Amino acid sequence: MNLKFAVKVVAELKKSIGRPITIRQISRKSGLSYNAANRTVHLLVKENVVKLTKIGAASVAELNKNPKSKGFIALAEAYGAKK
């Protein structure tokens, strides 16, 4: 998993806590290509950091509430503070 991509995806999901967003929205807001965002989201789902729900033709993502997700959020905040 590309850690920079994971940090960007988690940062966007953190901004939208309480309202799931589509992979396309993650892609646009993070500056990643759709394929990179999609691949990263699915890897984060396998790691149990992100929950993906199908609504019609779209898949919406949101952060899981677990220690692993909190670790990724802390990493995203630390990486964001560095820039």
N, C-alpha and C. Protein backbone atom coordinates (compact mmCIF):
# COMPACT_ATOMS: atom_id res chain seq x y z
N MET A 1 0.86 -1.18 0.00
CA MET A 1 0.00 0.00 0.00
C MET A 1 0.90 1.23 0.00
N ASN A 2 0.57 2.19 -0.84
CA ASN A 2 1.31 3.45 -0.88
C ASN A 2 0.86 4.29 0.32
N LEU A 3 1.78 4.54 1.23
CA LEU A 3 1.43 5.23 2.47
C LEU A 3 0.97 6.67 2.22
N LYS A 4 1.58 7.35 1.25
CA LYS A 4 1.16 8.73 0.95
C LYS A 4 -0.29 8.76 0.47
N PHE A 5 -0.65 7.79 -0.37
CA PHE A 5 -2.03 7.72 -0.86
C PHE A 5 -2.98 7.42 0.29
N ALA A 6 -2.59 6.49 1.16
CA ALA A 6 -3.44 6.12 2.29
C ALA A 6 -3.66 7.32 3.20
N VAL A 7 -2.61 8.10 3.41
CA VAL A 7 -2.72 9.29 4.26
C VAL A 7 -3.68 10.30 3.63
N LYS A 8 -3.59 10.48 2.32
CA LYS A 8 -4.49 11.42 1.63
C LYS A 8 -5.94 10.97 1.72
N VAL A 9 -6.18 9.68 1.52
CA VAL A 9 -7.54 9.14 1.58
C VAL A 9 -8.10 9.28 2.99
N VAL A 10 -7.33 8.91 4.00
CA VAL A 10 -7.79 8.99 5.39
C VAL A 10 -8.04 10.44 5.77
N ALA A 11 -7.20 11.36 5.30
CA ALA A 11 -7.40 12.78 5.61
C ALA A 11 -8.73 13.27 5.05
N GLU A 12 -9.07 12.86 3.85
CA GLU A 12 -10.35 13.27 3.25
C GLU A 12 -11.53 12.63 3.99
N LEU A 13 -11.38 11.39 4.38
CA LEU A 13 -12.45 10.72 5.13
C LEU A 13 -12.63 11.36 6.51
N LYS A 14 -11.54 11.79 7.11
CA LYS A 14 -11.61 12.44 8.42
C LYS A 14 -12.39 13.75 8.33
N LYS A 15 -12.20 14.48 7.23
CA LYS A 15 -12.91 15.75 7.03
C LYS A 15 -14.41 15.52 6.91
N SER A 16 -14.81 14.34 6.47
CA SER A 16 -16.22 14.09 6.24
C SER A 16 -16.81 13.11 7.25
N ILE A 17 -16.29 13.10 8.47
CA ILE A 17 -16.81 12.19 9.50
C ILE A 17 -18.30 12.48 9.71
N GLY A 18 -19.09 11.42 9.72
CA GLY A 18 -20.53 11.56 9.91
C GLY A 18 -21.31 11.55 8.61
N ARG A 19 -20.61 11.75 7.49
CA ARG A 19 -21.28 11.68 6.19
C ARG A 19 -20.34 10.98 5.21
N PRO A 20 -20.69 9.75 4.83
CA PRO A 20 -19.84 8.98 3.91
C PRO A 20 -19.70 9.70 2.56
N ILE A 21 -18.56 9.50 1.92
CA ILE A 21 -18.33 10.12 0.61
C ILE A 21 -17.93 9.04 -0.40
N THR A 22 -18.16 9.33 -1.66
CA THR A 22 -17.85 8.37 -2.72
C THR A 22 -16.35 8.36 -3.00
N ILE A 23 -15.94 7.32 -3.65
CA ILE A 23 -14.53 7.21 -4.04
C ILE A 23 -14.18 8.33 -5.02
N ARG A 24 -15.10 8.68 -5.90
CA ARG A 24 -14.86 9.77 -6.84
C ARG A 24 -14.63 11.09 -6.09
N GLN A 25 -15.41 11.35 -5.06
CA GLN A 25 -15.21 12.57 -4.26
C GLN A 25 -13.85 12.54 -3.56
N ILE A 26 -13.47 11.39 -3.05
CA ILE A 26 -12.15 11.25 -2.42
C ILE A 26 -11.07 11.57 -3.45
N SER A 27 -11.25 11.03 -4.64
CA SER A 27 -10.29 11.25 -5.71
C SER A 27 -10.13 12.73 -6.03
N ARG A 28 -11.23 13.41 -6.21
CA ARG A 28 -11.19 14.84 -6.57
C ARG A 28 -10.59 15.70 -5.46
N LYS A 29 -11.01 15.45 -4.23
CA LYS A 29 -10.56 16.28 -3.11
C LYS A 29 -9.10 16.03 -2.74
N SER A 30 -8.63 14.81 -2.94
CA SER A 30 -7.26 14.47 -2.54
C SER A 30 -6.24 14.71 -3.65
N GLY A 31 -6.72 14.86 -4.88
CA GLY A 31 -5.81 15.05 -6.01
C GLY A 31 -5.26 13.74 -6.57
N LEU A 32 -5.80 12.62 -6.11
CA LEU A 32 -5.38 11.32 -6.63
C LEU A 32 -6.21 10.96 -7.85
N SER A 33 -5.67 10.12 -8.71
CA SER A 33 -6.48 9.62 -9.82
C SER A 33 -7.56 8.71 -9.24
N TYR A 34 -8.62 8.48 -10.02
CA TYR A 34 -9.69 7.62 -9.52
C TYR A 34 -9.16 6.22 -9.23
N ASN A 35 -8.31 5.70 -10.13
CA ASN A 35 -7.78 4.34 -9.93
C ASN A 35 -6.95 4.25 -8.65
N ALA A 36 -6.12 5.25 -8.39
CA ALA A 36 -5.30 5.24 -7.17
C ALA A 36 -6.19 5.32 -5.93
N ALA A 37 -7.19 6.20 -5.96
CA ALA A 37 -8.10 6.34 -4.82
C ALA A 37 -8.89 5.04 -4.60
N ASN A 38 -9.39 4.46 -5.66
CA ASN A 38 -10.16 3.23 -5.57
C ASN A 38 -9.32 2.09 -5.01
N ARG A 39 -8.12 1.91 -5.54
CA ARG A 39 -7.22 0.86 -5.08
C ARG A 39 -6.87 1.06 -3.59
N THR A 40 -6.58 2.30 -3.21
CA THR A 40 -6.21 2.59 -1.82
C THR A 40 -7.38 2.36 -0.88
N VAL A 41 -8.57 2.80 -1.26
CA VAL A 41 -9.76 2.58 -0.42
C VAL A 41 -9.98 1.09 -0.21
N HIS A 42 -9.86 0.30 -1.27
CA HIS A 42 -10.08 -1.13 -1.13
C HIS A 42 -9.01 -1.80 -0.27
N LEU A 43 -7.78 -1.33 -0.34
CA LEU A 43 -6.74 -1.85 0.55
C LEU A 43 -7.01 -1.47 2.00
N LEU A 44 -7.52 -0.25 2.22
CA LEU A 44 -7.87 0.18 3.58
C LEU A 44 -9.07 -0.60 4.11
N VAL A 45 -9.97 -1.02 3.22
CA VAL A 45 -11.10 -1.86 3.63
C VAL A 45 -10.56 -3.21 4.12
N LYS A 46 -9.60 -3.78 3.39
CA LYS A 46 -9.01 -5.06 3.80
C LYS A 46 -8.29 -4.94 5.14
N GLU A 47 -7.75 -3.76 5.43
CA GLU A 47 -7.06 -3.52 6.69
C GLU A 47 -8.02 -3.14 7.82
N ASN A 48 -9.33 -3.07 7.51
CA ASN A 48 -10.38 -2.72 8.47
C ASN A 48 -10.26 -1.28 8.99
N VAL A 49 -9.77 -0.40 8.14
CA VAL A 49 -9.66 1.02 8.48
C VAL A 49 -10.87 1.77 7.93
N VAL A 50 -11.36 1.34 6.77
CA VAL A 50 -12.46 2.00 6.08
C VAL A 50 -13.59 1.00 5.88
N LYS A 51 -14.82 1.52 5.97
CA LYS A 51 -16.01 0.71 5.70
C LYS A 51 -16.60 1.20 4.39
N LEU A 52 -16.87 0.30 3.47
CA LEU A 52 -17.41 0.63 2.16
C LEU A 52 -18.83 0.10 2.07
N THR A 53 -19.76 0.95 1.66
CA THR A 53 -21.17 0.58 1.54
C THR A 53 -21.64 0.90 0.13
N LYS A 54 -22.38 -0.01 -0.46
CA LYS A 54 -22.90 0.18 -1.81
C LYS A 54 -24.26 0.87 -1.72
N ILE A 55 -24.39 2.01 -2.42
CA ILE A 55 -25.67 2.72 -2.51
C ILE A 55 -25.96 2.93 -3.99
N GLY A 56 -26.86 2.12 -4.51
CA GLY A 56 -27.13 2.17 -5.94
C GLY A 56 -25.88 1.73 -6.69
N ALA A 57 -25.43 2.54 -7.65
CA ALA A 57 -24.24 2.22 -8.42
C ALA A 57 -22.97 2.71 -7.74
N ALA A 58 -23.12 3.57 -6.74
CA ALA A 58 -21.96 4.17 -6.09
C ALA A 58 -21.58 3.41 -4.82
N SER A 59 -20.31 3.48 -4.50
CA SER A 59 -19.81 2.95 -3.23
C SER A 59 -19.39 4.14 -2.38
N VAL A 60 -19.87 4.19 -1.14
CA VAL A 60 -19.50 5.28 -0.24
C VAL A 60 -18.61 4.72 0.86
N ALA A 61 -17.65 5.53 1.24
CA ALA A 61 -16.66 5.10 2.24
C ALA A 61 -16.76 5.97 3.47
N GLU A 62 -16.45 5.37 4.61
CA GLU A 62 -16.33 6.11 5.86
C GLU A 62 -15.34 5.37 6.75
N LEU A 63 -14.76 6.09 7.68
CA LEU A 63 -13.79 5.49 8.59
C LEU A 63 -14.48 4.59 9.60
N ASN A 64 -13.86 3.46 9.89
CA ASN A 64 -14.32 2.60 10.97
C ASN A 64 -13.91 3.23 12.29
N LYS A 65 -14.61 2.86 13.34
CA LYS A 65 -14.27 3.36 14.67
C LYS A 65 -13.52 2.25 15.40
N ASN A 66 -12.21 2.22 15.18
CA ASN A 66 -11.37 1.24 15.85
C ASN A 66 -9.97 1.82 16.03
N PRO A 67 -9.15 1.19 16.84
CA PRO A 67 -7.80 1.73 17.11
C PRO A 67 -6.93 1.87 15.86
N LYS A 68 -7.08 0.95 14.93
CA LYS A 68 -6.28 1.01 13.71
C LYS A 68 -6.62 2.26 12.91
N SER A 69 -7.91 2.60 12.82
CA SER A 69 -8.34 3.81 12.12
C SER A 69 -7.80 5.05 12.81
N LYS A 70 -7.83 5.03 14.14
CA LYS A 70 -7.29 6.17 14.90
C LYS A 70 -5.81 6.35 14.64
N GLY A 71 -5.10 5.25 14.47
CA GLY A 71 -3.68 5.31 14.15
C GLY A 71 -3.45 5.95 12.79
N PHE A 72 -4.26 5.59 11.81
CA PHE A 72 -4.15 6.19 10.48
C PHE A 72 -4.51 7.67 10.51
N ILE A 73 -5.50 8.04 11.32
CA ILE A 73 -5.88 9.45 11.46
C ILE A 73 -4.72 10.23 12.05
N ALA A 74 -4.08 9.68 13.09
CA ALA A 74 -2.94 10.35 13.70
C ALA A 74 -1.80 10.51 12.70
N LEU A 75 -1.59 9.51 11.88
CA LEU A 75 -0.57 9.57 10.85
C LEU A 75 -0.89 10.66 9.83
N ALA A 76 -2.17 10.73 9.42
CA ALA A 76 -2.59 11.75 8.46
C ALA A 76 -2.42 13.15 9.04
N GLU A 77 -2.74 13.30 10.32
CA GLU A 77 -2.58 14.62 10.97
C GLU A 77 -1.11 15.00 11.08
N ALA A 78 -0.27 14.04 11.43
CA ALA A 78 1.17 14.31 11.55
C ALA A 78 1.76 14.64 10.18
N TYR A 79 1.34 13.93 9.17
CA TYR A 79 1.84 14.19 7.82
C TYR A 79 1.37 15.55 7.33
N GLY A 80 0.12 15.90 7.64
CA GLY A 80 -0.41 17.20 7.23
C GLY A 80 0.27 18.35 7.94
N ALA A 81 0.64 18.15 9.19
CA ALA A 81 1.32 19.21 9.96
C ALA A 81 2.73 19.42 9.45
N LYS A 82 3.31 18.37 8.85
CA LYS A 82 4.66 18.46 8.32
C LYS A 82 4.73 19.35 7.09
N LYS A 83 3.68 19.38 6.32
CA LYS A 83 3.68 20.14 5.06
C LYS A 83 3.43 21.59 5.28
